[in-house]
Amino acid sequence: MSITIALFIGCWLATCLLTPAVMRLARRMDAVDRGGYRKISLREVPLLGGLAVAFPLSMLCLGVGVAGFLVNVYWQYLFVHHREWFDSLYTLAGARYDCVTLALGGIAILILGIVDDTKALRARWKLVGQIAVATFVCLSGHVLTSVAIPLFGVVEFGREVGVILTMLWVVGVINAFNLIDGIDGLATGIALVGAVALVALSIIQDAAFVTYAGAALAGSLLAFLLFNFPPARVFLGDTGSMFIGYCLAILSLIGAHKAL
């Protein structure tokens, strides 16, 4: 629990410090929402706010992933010379693939969002990018092959069907959050509730990676909400809304695997 709290506070602080800098960067790049027709806000509001949410979690996952691979390579040395740390370090190594999947896919979807916020991509190209990221998720081994239904038990289906459902899930969640950004605090608030719920469920299921990653994401979202709460001073933009959707989709997939 102490690690969960430390990650939450650390990412909260990092996002608090990063958000003002991201706002200045967005204005310098002219990545702003100018409001208007069918918009809640009639002011110029910086986009790219998702960078402040994505950076702490992505760097954390990359760091843990690299450390996990090193532990896996040098486990004999660690076992002999640092036996007291070995169990914790090998648990870290066990999460290395999950960390790398979350980080690399997240960075890819982040880049797609930055291009869209600054260059206004056509919808079809955004969809192609999202499908590519969802394909990466499936290739990494995170494929939903069964579903637990109350009163009916676990329903199994083939890998081909699982791949289709996984891709629909990842692309669907990404676009769900992409659609609701632009209304002050809505996407951030819903994502925060989702991240906290994932943390609570993963604690019950003893899914350490989902607990830690969810806590880190929740900390950053809570910090960003301070700037995104009505009247919003910054929006997530496609940069952040798609990143958040991707993270929640992946964490829920990993959590589902632990629950079955």
C-alpha atoms as a PDB file:
ATOM      1  CA  MET A   1       0.000   0.000   0.000  1.00  0.00           C
ATOM      2  CA  SER A   2       2.882   2.376   0.733  1.00  0.00           C
ATOM      3  CA  ILE A   3       4.175   1.984  -2.845  1.00  0.00           C
ATOM      4  CA  THR A   4       0.685   2.684  -4.223  1.00  0.00           C
ATOM      5  CA  ILE A   5       0.394   5.874  -2.175  1.00  0.00           C
ATOM      6  CA  ALA A   6       3.925   6.977  -3.118  1.00  0.00           C
ATOM      7  CA  LEU A   7       3.187   6.515  -6.832  1.00  0.00           C
ATOM      8  CA  PHE A   8      -0.086   8.412  -6.509  1.00  0.00           C
ATOM      9  CA  ILE A   9       1.552  11.369  -4.745  1.00  0.00           C
ATOM     10  CA  GLY A  10       4.621  11.363  -6.981  1.00  0.00           C
ATOM     11  CA  CYS A  11       2.618  11.475 -10.208  1.00  0.00           C
ATOM     12  CA  TRP A  12       0.242  14.056  -8.724  1.00  0.00           C
ATOM     13  CA  LEU A  13       3.196  16.326  -7.978  1.00  0.00           C
ATOM     14  CA  ALA A  14       4.836  15.720 -11.384  1.00  0.00           C
ATOM     15  CA  THR A  15       1.647  16.630 -13.283  1.00  0.00           C
ATOM     16  CA  CYS A  16       1.116  19.725 -11.125  1.00  0.00           C
ATOM     17  CA  LEU A  17       4.585  20.922 -12.084  1.00  0.00           C
ATOM     18  CA  LEU A  18       4.363  19.943 -15.750  1.00  0.00           C
ATOM     19  CA  THR A  19       0.916  21.317 -16.638  1.00  0.00           C
ATOM     20  CA  PRO A  20       1.805  25.057 -16.637  1.00  0.00           C
ATOM     21  CA  ALA A  21       4.817  24.325 -18.864  1.00  0.00           C
ATOM     22  CA  VAL A  22       2.633  22.284 -21.237  1.00  0.00           C
ATOM     23  CA  MET A  23       0.118  25.146 -21.407  1.00  0.00           C
ATOM     24  CA  ARG A  24       2.878  27.537 -22.461  1.00  0.00           C
ATOM     25  CA  LEU A  25       4.142  25.033 -25.031  1.00  0.00           C
ATOM     26  CA  ALA A  26       0.648  24.608 -26.502  1.00  0.00           C
ATOM     27  CA  ARG A  27       0.206  28.368 -26.935  1.00  0.00           C
ATOM     28  CA  ARG A  28       3.650  28.627 -28.531  1.00  0.00           C
ATOM     29  CA  MET A  29       2.719  25.856 -30.987  1.00  0.00           C
ATOM     30  CA  ASP A  30      -0.721  27.426 -31.554  1.00  0.00           C
ATOM     31  CA  ALA A  31      -2.344  24.195 -30.352  1.00  0.00           C
ATOM     32  CA  VAL A  32      -5.430  25.841 -28.857  1.00  0.00           C
ATOM     33  CA  ASP A  33      -9.165  25.216 -28.863  1.00  0.00           C
ATOM     34  CA  ARG A  34     -10.829  28.423 -30.019  1.00  0.00           C
ATOM     35  CA  GLY A  35     -14.374  27.410 -29.098  1.00  0.00           C
ATOM     36  CA  GLY A  36     -17.261  28.387 -31.329  1.00  0.00           C
ATOM     37  CA  TYR A  37     -20.108  26.392 -32.820  1.00  0.00           C
ATOM     38  CA  ARG A  38     -21.139  23.309 -30.780  1.00  0.00           C
ATOM     39  CA  LYS A  39     -18.453  24.111 -28.198  1.00  0.00           C
ATOM     40  CA  ILE A  40     -18.982  24.626 -24.462  1.00  0.00           C
ATOM     41  CA  SER A  41     -16.058  27.027 -24.150  1.00  0.00           C
ATOM     42  CA  LEU A  42     -16.014  30.279 -26.107  1.00  0.00           C
ATOM     43  CA  ARG A  43     -12.427  31.091 -25.049  1.00  0.00           C
ATOM     44  CA  GLU A  44      -9.059  30.060 -26.382  1.00  0.00           C
ATOM     45  CA  VAL A  45      -7.980  27.073 -24.289  1.00  0.00           C
ATOM     46  CA  PRO A  46      -4.600  25.333 -24.748  1.00  0.00           C
ATOM     47  CA  LEU A  47      -4.598  21.726 -25.889  1.00  0.00           C
ATOM     48  CA  LEU A  48      -1.790  19.146 -25.395  1.00  0.00           C
ATOM     49  CA  GLY A  49      -2.602  18.983 -21.675  1.00  0.00           C
ATOM     50  CA  GLY A  50      -2.406  15.212 -21.887  1.00  0.00           C
ATOM     51  CA  LEU A  51       1.394  15.495 -22.101  1.00  0.00           C
ATOM     52  CA  ALA A  52       1.446  16.398 -18.404  1.00  0.00           C
ATOM     53  CA  VAL A  53      -0.597  13.284 -17.609  1.00  0.00           C
ATOM     54  CA  ALA A  54       1.241  10.946 -19.961  1.00  0.00           C
ATOM     55  CA  PHE A  55       4.846  11.847 -19.199  1.00  0.00           C
ATOM     56  CA  PRO A  56       5.051  10.611 -15.566  1.00  0.00           C
ATOM     57  CA  LEU A  57       3.313   7.282 -16.260  1.00  0.00           C
ATOM     58  CA  SER A  58       5.186   6.609 -19.527  1.00  0.00           C
ATOM     59  CA  MET A  59       8.609   7.331 -18.015  1.00  0.00           C
ATOM     60  CA  LEU A  60       7.759   5.264 -14.950  1.00  0.00           C
ATOM     61  CA  CYS A  61       6.696   2.264 -17.063  1.00  0.00           C
ATOM     62  CA  LEU A  62       9.729   2.531 -19.335  1.00  0.00           C
ATOM     63  CA  GLY A  63      12.049   2.716 -16.332  1.00  0.00           C
ATOM     64  CA  VAL A  64      10.425  -0.244 -14.592  1.00  0.00           C
ATOM     65  CA  GLY A  65      10.379  -2.220 -17.849  1.00  0.00           C
ATOM     66  CA  VAL A  66      14.109  -1.691 -18.456  1.00  0.00           C
ATOM     67  CA  ALA A  67      14.887  -2.480 -14.803  1.00  0.00           C
ATOM     68  CA  GLY A  68      12.791  -5.637 -15.049  1.00  0.00           C
ATOM     69  CA  PHE A  69      14.721  -6.893 -18.072  1.00  0.00           C
ATOM     70  CA  LEU A  70      18.025  -6.200 -16.281  1.00  0.00           C
ATOM     71  CA  VAL A  71      16.841  -8.111 -13.210  1.00  0.00           C
ATOM     72  CA  ASN A  72      15.885 -11.031 -15.443  1.00  0.00           C
ATOM     73  CA  VAL A  73      19.382 -11.068 -16.980  1.00  0.00           C
ATOM     74  CA  TYR A  74      21.344 -10.691 -13.733  1.00  0.00           C
ATOM     75  CA  TRP A  75      19.082 -12.676 -11.400  1.00  0.00           C
ATOM     76  CA  GLN A  76      21.835 -15.069 -10.316  1.00  0.00           C
ATOM     77  CA  TYR A  77      24.067 -12.232  -9.149  1.00  0.00           C
ATOM     78  CA  LEU A  78      21.159 -10.606  -7.314  1.00  0.00           C
ATOM     79  CA  PHE A  79      20.176 -13.882  -5.673  1.00  0.00           C
ATOM     80  CA  VAL A  80      23.712 -14.437  -4.343  1.00  0.00           C
ATOM     81  CA  HIS A  81      24.645 -10.882  -3.359  1.00  0.00           C
ATOM     82  CA  HIS A  82      21.307  -9.201  -2.602  1.00  0.00           C
ATOM     83  CA  ARG A  83      19.079 -12.006  -1.366  1.00  0.00           C
ATOM     84  CA  GLU A  84      17.040  -9.610   0.803  1.00  0.00           C
ATOM     85  CA  TRP A  85      15.896  -7.679  -2.294  1.00  0.00           C
ATOM     86  CA  PHE A  86      15.491 -10.653  -4.614  1.00  0.00           C
ATOM     87  CA  ASP A  87      11.772 -11.403  -4.132  1.00  0.00           C
ATOM     88  CA  SER A  88      10.746  -7.769  -4.681  1.00  0.00           C
ATOM     89  CA  LEU A  89      13.059  -7.358  -7.648  1.00  0.00           C
ATOM     90  CA  TYR A  90      11.854 -10.537  -9.337  1.00  0.00           C
ATOM     91  CA  THR A  91       8.254  -9.407  -8.889  1.00  0.00           C
ATOM     92  CA  LEU A  92       9.337  -6.242 -10.703  1.00  0.00           C
ATOM     93  CA  ALA A  93      10.863  -8.346 -13.481  1.00  0.00           C
ATOM     94  CA  GLY A  94       7.582 -10.223 -13.880  1.00  0.00           C
ATOM     95  CA  ALA A  95       5.827  -6.976 -14.867  1.00  0.00           C
ATOM     96  CA  ARG A  96       8.393  -5.985 -17.502  1.00  0.00           C
ATOM     97  CA  TYR A  97       6.303  -6.946 -20.553  1.00  0.00           C
ATOM     98  CA  ASP A  98       3.181  -5.228 -19.196  1.00  0.00           C
ATOM     99  CA  CYS A  99       5.220  -2.087 -18.518  1.00  0.00           C
ATOM    100  CA  VAL A 100       6.727  -2.018 -22.004  1.00  0.00           C
ATOM    101  CA  THR A 101       3.353  -2.645 -23.669  1.00  0.00           C
ATOM    102  CA  LEU A 102       1.718   0.189 -21.734  1.00  0.00           C
ATOM    103  CA  ALA A 103       4.627   2.569 -22.341  1.00  0.00           C
ATOM    104  CA  LEU A 104       5.295   1.930 -26.046  1.00  0.00           C
ATOM    105  CA  GLY A 105       1.633   1.814 -27.050  1.00  0.00           C
ATOM    106  CA  GLY A 106       0.968   4.891 -24.944  1.00  0.00           C
ATOM    107  CA  ILE A 107       3.811   6.824 -26.556  1.00  0.00           C
ATOM    108  CA  ALA A 108       2.573   5.829 -30.032  1.00  0.00           C
ATOM    109  CA  ILE A 109      -0.975   7.008 -29.315  1.00  0.00           C
ATOM    110  CA  LEU A 110       0.470  10.145 -27.706  1.00  0.00           C
ATOM    111  CA  ILE A 111       2.372  11.009 -30.882  1.00  0.00           C
ATOM    112  CA  LEU A 112      -0.790  10.451 -32.923  1.00  0.00           C
ATOM    113  CA  GLY A 113      -2.647  12.837 -30.621  1.00  0.00           C
ATOM    114  CA  ILE A 114       0.042  15.524 -30.814  1.00  0.00           C
ATOM    115  CA  VAL A 115      -0.076  15.422 -34.616  1.00  0.00           C
ATOM    116  CA  ASP A 116      -3.872  15.706 -34.526  1.00  0.00           C
ATOM    117  CA  ASP A 117      -3.855  18.604 -32.045  1.00  0.00           C
ATOM    118  CA  THR A 118      -1.316  20.550 -34.094  1.00  0.00           C
ATOM    119  CA  LYS A 119      -2.130  19.494 -37.673  1.00  0.00           C
ATOM    120  CA  ALA A 120      -5.804  18.374 -37.476  1.00  0.00           C
ATOM    121  CA  LEU A 121      -5.618  14.846 -38.895  1.00  0.00           C
ATOM    122  CA  ARG A 122      -8.496  13.427 -40.901  1.00  0.00           C
ATOM    123  CA  ALA A 123     -10.654  11.013 -38.929  1.00  0.00           C
ATOM    124  CA  ARG A 124      -9.728   8.048 -41.102  1.00  0.00           C
ATOM    125  CA  TRP A 125      -6.000   8.518 -40.440  1.00  0.00           C
ATOM    126  CA  LYS A 126      -6.636   8.737 -36.723  1.00  0.00           C
ATOM    127  CA  LEU A 127      -8.565   5.476 -36.948  1.00  0.00           C
ATOM    128  CA  VAL A 128      -5.717   3.818 -38.863  1.00  0.00           C
ATOM    129  CA  GLY A 129      -3.301   4.871 -36.132  1.00  0.00           C
ATOM    130  CA  GLN A 130      -5.603   3.600 -33.400  1.00  0.00           C
ATOM    131  CA  ILE A 131      -6.001   0.236 -35.155  1.00  0.00           C
ATOM    132  CA  ALA A 132      -2.201  -0.012 -35.475  1.00  0.00           C
ATOM    133  CA  VAL A 133      -1.828   0.520 -31.727  1.00  0.00           C
ATOM    134  CA  ALA A 134      -4.576  -2.024 -31.007  1.00  0.00           C
ATOM    135  CA  THR A 135      -2.755  -4.498 -33.272  1.00  0.00           C
ATOM    136  CA  PHE A 136       0.425  -3.928 -31.243  1.00  0.00           C
ATOM    137  CA  VAL A 137      -1.536  -4.740 -28.077  1.00  0.00           C
ATOM    138  CA  CYS A 138      -2.729  -8.040 -29.570  1.00  0.00           C
ATOM    139  CA  LEU A 139       0.768  -8.934 -30.788  1.00  0.00           C
ATOM    140  CA  SER A 140       2.098  -8.292 -27.286  1.00  0.00           C
ATOM    141  CA  GLY A 141      -0.142 -11.106 -26.049  1.00  0.00           C
ATOM    142  CA  HIS A 142      -2.892  -9.097 -24.367  1.00  0.00           C
ATOM    143  CA  VAL A 143      -5.842 -10.765 -26.070  1.00  0.00           C
ATOM    144  CA  LEU A 144      -9.203 -11.286 -24.401  1.00  0.00           C
ATOM    145  CA  THR A 145     -10.005 -14.990 -24.827  1.00  0.00           C
ATOM    146  CA  SER A 146     -12.680 -15.402 -22.147  1.00  0.00           C
ATOM    147  CA  VAL A 147     -15.247 -13.386 -20.222  1.00  0.00           C
ATOM    148  CA  ALA A 148     -16.607 -14.047 -16.740  1.00  0.00           C
ATOM    149  CA  ILE A 149     -20.405 -13.534 -16.718  1.00  0.00           C
ATOM    150  CA  PRO A 150     -22.234 -13.538 -13.367  1.00  0.00           C
ATOM    151  CA  LEU A 151     -24.468 -16.624 -12.897  1.00  0.00           C
ATOM    152  CA  PHE A 152     -23.070 -18.204 -16.080  1.00  0.00           C
ATOM    153  CA  GLY A 153     -19.386 -18.518 -15.215  1.00  0.00           C
ATOM    154  CA  VAL A 154     -16.485 -18.109 -17.630  1.00  0.00           C
ATOM    155  CA  VAL A 155     -17.331 -18.030 -21.349  1.00  0.00           C
ATOM    156  CA  GLU A 156     -14.435 -19.077 -23.598  1.00  0.00           C
ATOM    157  CA  PHE A 157     -14.011 -18.113 -27.242  1.00  0.00           C
ATOM    158  CA  GLY A 158     -11.303 -18.662 -29.847  1.00  0.00           C
ATOM    159  CA  ARG A 159      -8.239 -16.517 -30.308  1.00  0.00           C
ATOM    160  CA  GLU A 160      -9.498 -15.108 -33.617  1.00  0.00           C
ATOM    161  CA  VAL A 161     -12.676 -13.831 -31.969  1.00  0.00           C
ATOM    162  CA  GLY A 162     -10.572 -12.636 -29.022  1.00  0.00           C
ATOM    163  CA  VAL A 163      -8.340 -10.554 -31.286  1.00  0.00           C
ATOM    164  CA  ILE A 164     -11.370  -8.871 -32.886  1.00  0.00           C
ATOM    165  CA  LEU A 165     -12.963  -8.145 -29.500  1.00  0.00           C
ATOM    166  CA  THR A 166      -9.676  -6.841 -28.094  1.00  0.00           C
ATOM    167  CA  MET A 167      -9.176  -4.468 -31.010  1.00  0.00           C
ATOM    168  CA  LEU A 168     -12.766  -3.247 -30.771  1.00  0.00           C
ATOM    169  CA  TRP A 169     -12.309  -2.710 -27.031  1.00  0.00           C
ATOM    170  CA  VAL A 170      -9.049  -0.751 -27.348  1.00  0.00           C
ATOM    171  CA  VAL A 171     -10.204   1.424 -30.267  1.00  0.00           C
ATOM    172  CA  GLY A 172     -13.647   1.899 -28.677  1.00  0.00           C
ATOM    173  CA  VAL A 173     -12.331   3.096 -25.303  1.00  0.00           C
ATOM    174  CA  ILE A 174      -9.793   5.403 -26.982  1.00  0.00           C
ATOM    175  CA  ASN A 175     -12.540   7.054 -29.043  1.00  0.00           C
ATOM    176  CA  ALA A 176     -14.980   7.196 -26.126  1.00  0.00           C
ATOM    177  CA  PHE A 177     -12.617   9.479 -24.229  1.00  0.00           C
ATOM    178  CA  ASN A 178     -11.640  11.328 -27.384  1.00  0.00           C
ATOM    179  CA  LEU A 179     -15.284  12.291 -27.950  1.00  0.00           C
ATOM    180  CA  ILE A 180     -15.954  13.692 -24.472  1.00  0.00           C
ATOM    181  CA  ASP A 181     -12.851  15.872 -24.138  1.00  0.00           C
ATOM    182  CA  GLY A 182     -13.605  19.541 -24.677  1.00  0.00           C
ATOM    183  CA  ILE A 183     -16.228  19.762 -21.926  1.00  0.00           C
ATOM    184  CA  ASP A 184     -14.538  21.162 -18.828  1.00  0.00           C
ATOM    185  CA  GLY A 185     -13.462  18.375 -16.480  1.00  0.00           C
ATOM    186  CA  LEU A 186     -15.648  15.656 -18.017  1.00  0.00           C
ATOM    187  CA  ALA A 187     -13.091  13.317 -19.591  1.00  0.00           C
ATOM    188  CA  THR A 188     -10.603  13.838 -16.758  1.00  0.00           C
ATOM    189  CA  GLY A 189     -13.225  13.247 -14.071  1.00  0.00           C
ATOM    190  CA  ILE A 190     -14.602  10.083 -15.675  1.00  0.00           C
ATOM    191  CA  ALA A 191     -11.077   8.749 -16.248  1.00  0.00           C
ATOM    192  CA  LEU A 192     -10.207   9.449 -12.604  1.00  0.00           C
ATOM    193  CA  VAL A 193     -13.222   7.458 -11.422  1.00  0.00           C
ATOM    194  CA  GLY A 194     -12.259   4.636 -13.789  1.00  0.00           C
ATOM    195  CA  ALA A 195      -8.632   4.592 -12.621  1.00  0.00           C
ATOM    196  CA  VAL A 196      -9.640   4.528  -8.938  1.00  0.00           C
ATOM    197  CA  ALA A 197     -12.088   1.694  -9.637  1.00  0.00           C
ATOM    198  CA  LEU A 198      -9.358  -0.298 -11.392  1.00  0.00           C
ATOM    199  CA  VAL A 199      -7.032   0.221  -8.424  1.00  0.00           C
ATOM    200  CA  ALA A 200      -9.692  -0.969  -5.985  1.00  0.00           C
ATOM    201  CA  LEU A 201     -10.474  -4.084  -8.051  1.00  0.00           C
ATOM    202  CA  SER A 202      -6.810  -4.895  -8.643  1.00  0.00           C
ATOM    203  CA  ILE A 203      -6.084  -4.734  -4.910  1.00  0.00           C
ATOM    204  CA  ILE A 204      -8.815  -7.326  -4.362  1.00  0.00           C
ATOM    205  CA  GLN A 205      -7.389  -9.486  -7.192  1.00  0.00           C
ATOM    206  CA  ASP A 206      -3.787  -8.966  -6.020  1.00  0.00           C
ATOM    207  CA  ALA A 207      -2.800  -7.616  -9.458  1.00  0.00           C
ATOM    208  CA  ALA A 208       0.234  -5.529  -8.481  1.00  0.00           C
ATOM    209  CA  PHE A 209       0.970  -3.984 -11.886  1.00  0.00           C
ATOM    210  CA  VAL A 210      -2.581  -2.721 -12.409  1.00  0.00           C
ATOM    211  CA  THR A 211      -2.626  -1.373  -8.841  1.00  0.00           C
ATOM    212  CA  TYR A 212       0.592   0.586  -9.256  1.00  0.00           C
ATOM    213  CA  ALA A 213      -0.053   1.833 -12.807  1.00  0.00           C
ATOM    214  CA  GLY A 214      -3.653   2.747 -11.942  1.00  0.00           C
ATOM    215  CA  ALA A 215      -2.521   4.674  -8.851  1.00  0.00           C
ATOM    216  CA  ALA A 216       0.066   6.582 -10.893  1.00  0.00           C
ATOM    217  CA  LEU A 217      -2.534   7.440 -13.545  1.00  0.00           C
ATOM    218  CA  ALA A 218      -5.081   8.482 -10.895  1.00  0.00           C
ATOM    219  CA  GLY A 219      -2.538  10.805  -9.265  1.00  0.00           C
ATOM    220  CA  SER A 220      -1.803  12.555 -12.558  1.00  0.00           C
ATOM    221  CA  LEU A 221      -5.512  12.834 -13.410  1.00  0.00           C
ATOM    222  CA  LEU A 222      -6.342  14.373 -10.040  1.00  0.00           C
ATOM    223  CA  ALA A 223      -3.582  16.931 -10.505  1.00  0.00           C
ATOM    224  CA  PHE A 224      -4.703  17.752 -14.051  1.00  0.00           C
ATOM    225  CA  LEU A 225      -8.291  18.164 -12.859  1.00  0.00           C
ATOM    226  CA  LEU A 226      -7.136  21.204 -10.874  1.00  0.00           C
ATOM    227  CA  PHE A 227      -6.409  22.919 -14.205  1.00  0.00           C
ATOM    228  CA  ASN A 228      -9.218  21.285 -16.203  1.00  0.00           C
ATOM    229  CA  PHE A 229     -12.047  21.885 -13.727  1.00  0.00           C
ATOM    230  CA  PRO A 230     -14.620  24.465 -14.942  1.00  0.00           C
ATOM    231  CA  PRO A 231     -13.679  26.996 -16.172  1.00  0.00           C
ATOM    232  CA  ALA A 232     -10.925  24.922 -17.788  1.00  0.00           C
ATOM    233  CA  ARG A 233      -7.522  26.529 -18.279  1.00  0.00           C
ATOM    234  CA  VAL A 234      -6.294  23.618 -20.416  1.00  0.00           C
ATOM    235  CA  PHE A 235      -7.791  20.646 -22.236  1.00  0.00           C
ATOM    236  CA  LEU A 236      -6.396  17.144 -22.550  1.00  0.00           C
ATOM    237  CA  GLY A 237      -6.656  17.448 -26.312  1.00  0.00           C
ATOM    238  CA  ASP A 238      -6.534  14.353 -28.493  1.00  0.00           C
ATOM    239  CA  THR A 239      -3.039  13.971 -27.048  1.00  0.00           C
ATOM    240  CA  GLY A 240      -4.384  13.219 -23.589  1.00  0.00           C
ATOM    241  CA  SER A 241      -7.855  11.843 -24.229  1.00  0.00           C
ATOM    242  CA  MET A 242      -6.571   9.073 -26.500  1.00  0.00           C
ATOM    243  CA  PHE A 243      -3.681   8.291 -24.144  1.00  0.00           C
ATOM    244  CA  ILE A 244      -6.032   7.973 -21.177  1.00  0.00           C
ATOM    245  CA  GLY A 245      -8.439   5.790 -23.157  1.00  0.00           C
ATOM    246  CA  TYR A 246      -5.548   3.556 -24.197  1.00  0.00           C
ATOM    247  CA  CYS A 247      -4.247   3.205 -20.618  1.00  0.00           C
ATOM    248  CA  LEU A 248      -7.654   2.350 -19.167  1.00  0.00           C
ATOM    249  CA  ALA A 249      -8.302  -0.165 -21.962  1.00  0.00           C
ATOM    250  CA  ILE A 250      -4.950  -1.914 -21.401  1.00  0.00           C
ATOM    251  CA  LEU A 251      -5.131  -1.909 -17.609  1.00  0.00           C
ATOM    252  CA  SER A 252      -8.640  -3.366 -17.709  1.00  0.00           C
ATOM    253  CA  LEU A 253      -7.440  -6.109 -20.093  1.00  0.00           C
ATOM    254  CA  ILE A 254      -4.536  -7.009 -17.817  1.00  0.00           C
ATOM    255  CA  GLY A 255      -6.829  -6.902 -14.791  1.00  0.00           C
ATOM    256  CA  ALA A 256      -9.329  -9.174 -16.555  1.00  0.00           C
ATOM    257  CA  HIS A 257      -6.578 -11.747 -17.161  1.00  0.00           C
ATOM    258  CA  LYS A 258      -5.706 -11.701 -13.448  1.00  0.00           C
ATOM    259  CA  ALA A 259      -9.349 -12.152 -12.460  1.00  0.00           C
ATOM    260  CA  LEU A 260      -9.900 -15.309 -14.542  1.00  0.00           C
END
